[in-house]
Protein backbone atom coordinates (compact mmCIF):
# COMPACT_ATOMS: atom_id res chain seq x y z
CA MET A 1 23.78 -15.92 -9.80
CA ALA A 2 20.54 -15.63 -10.37
CA LYS A 3 20.52 -12.15 -11.06
CA PHE A 4 23.41 -13.08 -13.64
CA GLU A 5 20.81 -15.61 -14.74
CA ALA A 6 17.72 -13.48 -15.49
CA ASN A 7 19.27 -10.30 -17.26
CA LEU A 8 21.24 -13.32 -19.05
CA ASP A 9 17.38 -14.87 -19.73
CA GLN A 10 15.91 -11.54 -20.34
CA CYS A 11 18.79 -10.88 -22.82
CA PHE A 12 17.99 -13.50 -24.72
CA ALA A 13 14.78 -12.77 -25.26
CA ALA A 14 14.76 -9.63 -26.01
CA LEU A 15 17.27 -10.58 -28.30
CA GLY A 16 14.64 -13.50 -30.08
CA ASP A 17 12.49 -11.40 -31.97
CA PRO A 18 12.96 -9.65 -36.00
CA THR A 19 11.35 -6.66 -34.99
CA ARG A 20 13.31 -6.37 -31.59
CA ARG A 21 15.61 -7.12 -34.00
CA MET A 22 15.24 -5.07 -36.39
CA VAL A 23 14.60 -1.89 -33.30
CA LEU A 24 18.80 -2.57 -31.74
CA GLN A 25 20.09 -2.06 -35.76
CA ARG A 26 18.75 1.33 -36.16
CA LEU A 27 19.51 2.61 -32.62
CA ALA A 28 23.32 1.47 -33.46
CA ARG A 29 22.95 4.52 -35.78
CA GLY A 30 21.42 6.68 -32.87
CA GLU A 31 18.06 7.75 -31.57
CA ALA A 32 15.23 7.00 -33.48
CA SER A 33 11.70 8.41 -32.03
CA VAL A 34 8.84 5.42 -31.78
CA GLY A 35 7.15 6.77 -34.53
CA GLU A 36 10.31 6.58 -36.83
CA LEU A 37 10.89 3.15 -35.21
CA ALA A 38 7.77 2.32 -35.72
CA GLU A 39 7.77 3.22 -39.11
CA PRO A 40 8.64 0.42 -41.58
CA HIS A 41 7.40 -2.23 -38.94
CA ASP A 42 3.50 -3.42 -40.12
CA MET A 43 1.59 -3.32 -36.80
CA ALA A 44 -0.85 -1.39 -34.69
CA LEU A 45 1.40 1.05 -32.75
CA PRO A 46 0.42 -0.93 -28.81
CA SER A 47 1.54 -4.12 -30.15
CA PHE A 48 5.38 -2.37 -31.64
CA MET A 49 5.30 -0.77 -27.85
CA GLY A 50 5.42 -4.21 -26.17
CA HIS A 51 8.35 -4.67 -28.20
CA LEU A 52 10.45 -1.62 -27.29
CA LYS A 53 9.21 -2.57 -23.75
CA LYS A 54 10.58 -6.12 -24.09
CA LEU A 55 13.59 -4.36 -25.47
CA GLU A 56 13.21 -1.66 -22.52
CA ASP A 57 13.32 -4.37 -19.57
CA ALA A 58 15.72 -6.16 -20.45
CA GLY A 59 18.40 -2.97 -20.12
CA LEU A 60 19.06 -3.16 -24.12
CA VAL A 61 17.05 0.03 -24.54
CA THR A 62 15.70 3.56 -22.64
CA SER A 63 13.29 6.58 -23.72
CA THR A 64 12.76 9.58 -22.63
CA LYS A 65 10.52 12.37 -22.80
CA GLN A 66 11.36 15.09 -24.91
CA GLY A 67 7.60 17.15 -25.43
CA ARG A 68 5.09 14.83 -26.93
CA THR A 69 7.84 12.67 -28.62
CA ARG A 70 9.52 9.11 -26.26
CA ILE A 71 13.12 9.28 -27.74
CA CYS A 72 15.07 5.43 -27.83
CA THR A 73 19.05 5.15 -26.99
CA LEU A 74 20.22 1.61 -27.89
CA THR A 75 22.42 0.61 -24.18
CA PRO A 76 24.92 -1.01 -25.22
CA ASP A 77 26.50 -1.61 -21.42
CA ALA A 78 23.42 -4.35 -21.37
CA PHE A 79 25.01 -6.48 -23.76
CA ALA A 80 27.67 -7.52 -21.78
CA PRO A 81 26.98 -9.30 -19.71
CA ALA A 82 25.80 -12.05 -22.77
CA LYS A 83 29.13 -11.59 -24.43
CA ASN A 84 30.80 -12.15 -21.54
CA TRP A 85 28.53 -15.76 -21.16
CA LEU A 86 29.21 -16.12 -25.43
CA ASN A 87 32.73 -15.76 -25.18
CA GLU A 88 32.76 -18.27 -21.68
CA GLN A 89 31.00 -20.77 -23.87
CA SER A 90 32.67 -20.16 -27.21
CA ALA A 91 36.06 -20.79 -25.01
CA ILE A 92 34.38 -24.41 -23.86
CA TRP A 93 33.36 -25.22 -26.64
CA GLU A 94 36.61 -25.04 -28.13
CA GLY A 95 38.53 -26.48 -25.80
CA ARG A 96 36.12 -29.37 -26.48
CA LEU A 97 36.68 -29.60 -29.78
CA ASP A 98 40.77 -29.24 -30.05
CA ARG A 99 40.99 -32.68 -27.30
CA PHE A 100 38.07 -34.03 -30.00
CA ASP A 101 40.98 -32.79 -33.00
CA ASP A 102 43.41 -34.39 -30.70
CA TYR A 103 42.33 -37.59 -30.38
CA ILE A 104 41.53 -38.29 -34.15
CA THR A 105 44.39 -37.44 -34.94
CA THR A 106 45.70 -40.17 -31.67
CA LEU A 107 43.59 -42.31 -33.56
CA MET A 108 44.54 -42.12 -36.96
CA LYS A 109 48.32 -41.97 -36.48
CA GLU A 110 47.42 -46.07 -34.32
CA ARG A 111 45.90 -46.60 -37.97
CA GLU A 112 49.12 -46.07 -39.59
CA LYS A 113 51.06 -48.42 -37.35
C-alpha cells in the first residue's frame, strides 16, 4: 500500500503544476524533443528540465536519446493508479450524496404530513 501511495503522491505532485500539465497535453499528441516541449515556456532550459525530471520520476513521461536530441514520450499506463483512486473516491462520494438525498427526501415527506 505504501508504494501505491508513493506513486499516487508523485503523480499528483507532477500534475500539480501548469507547465507540466501543458507538457503532458503536448505529448498526448505524440512524442516531442525537449526543445519542442520547452519552446512555448518562458524559462531557462535547466528549469524546464526540472519539470521533465518530475514527470519522469512520476513515470508519466519517458525519454530516450537519439543522437544529440532527447525525445520524450507520454506513458499513458502510468495514469491508471490515479484514475483508479479518483474513481474510488467518486464512488464513495456518490454513495454519500445518494444517502444524503434520501435523508432529505424523507425529511421533506415527514414535513408534508
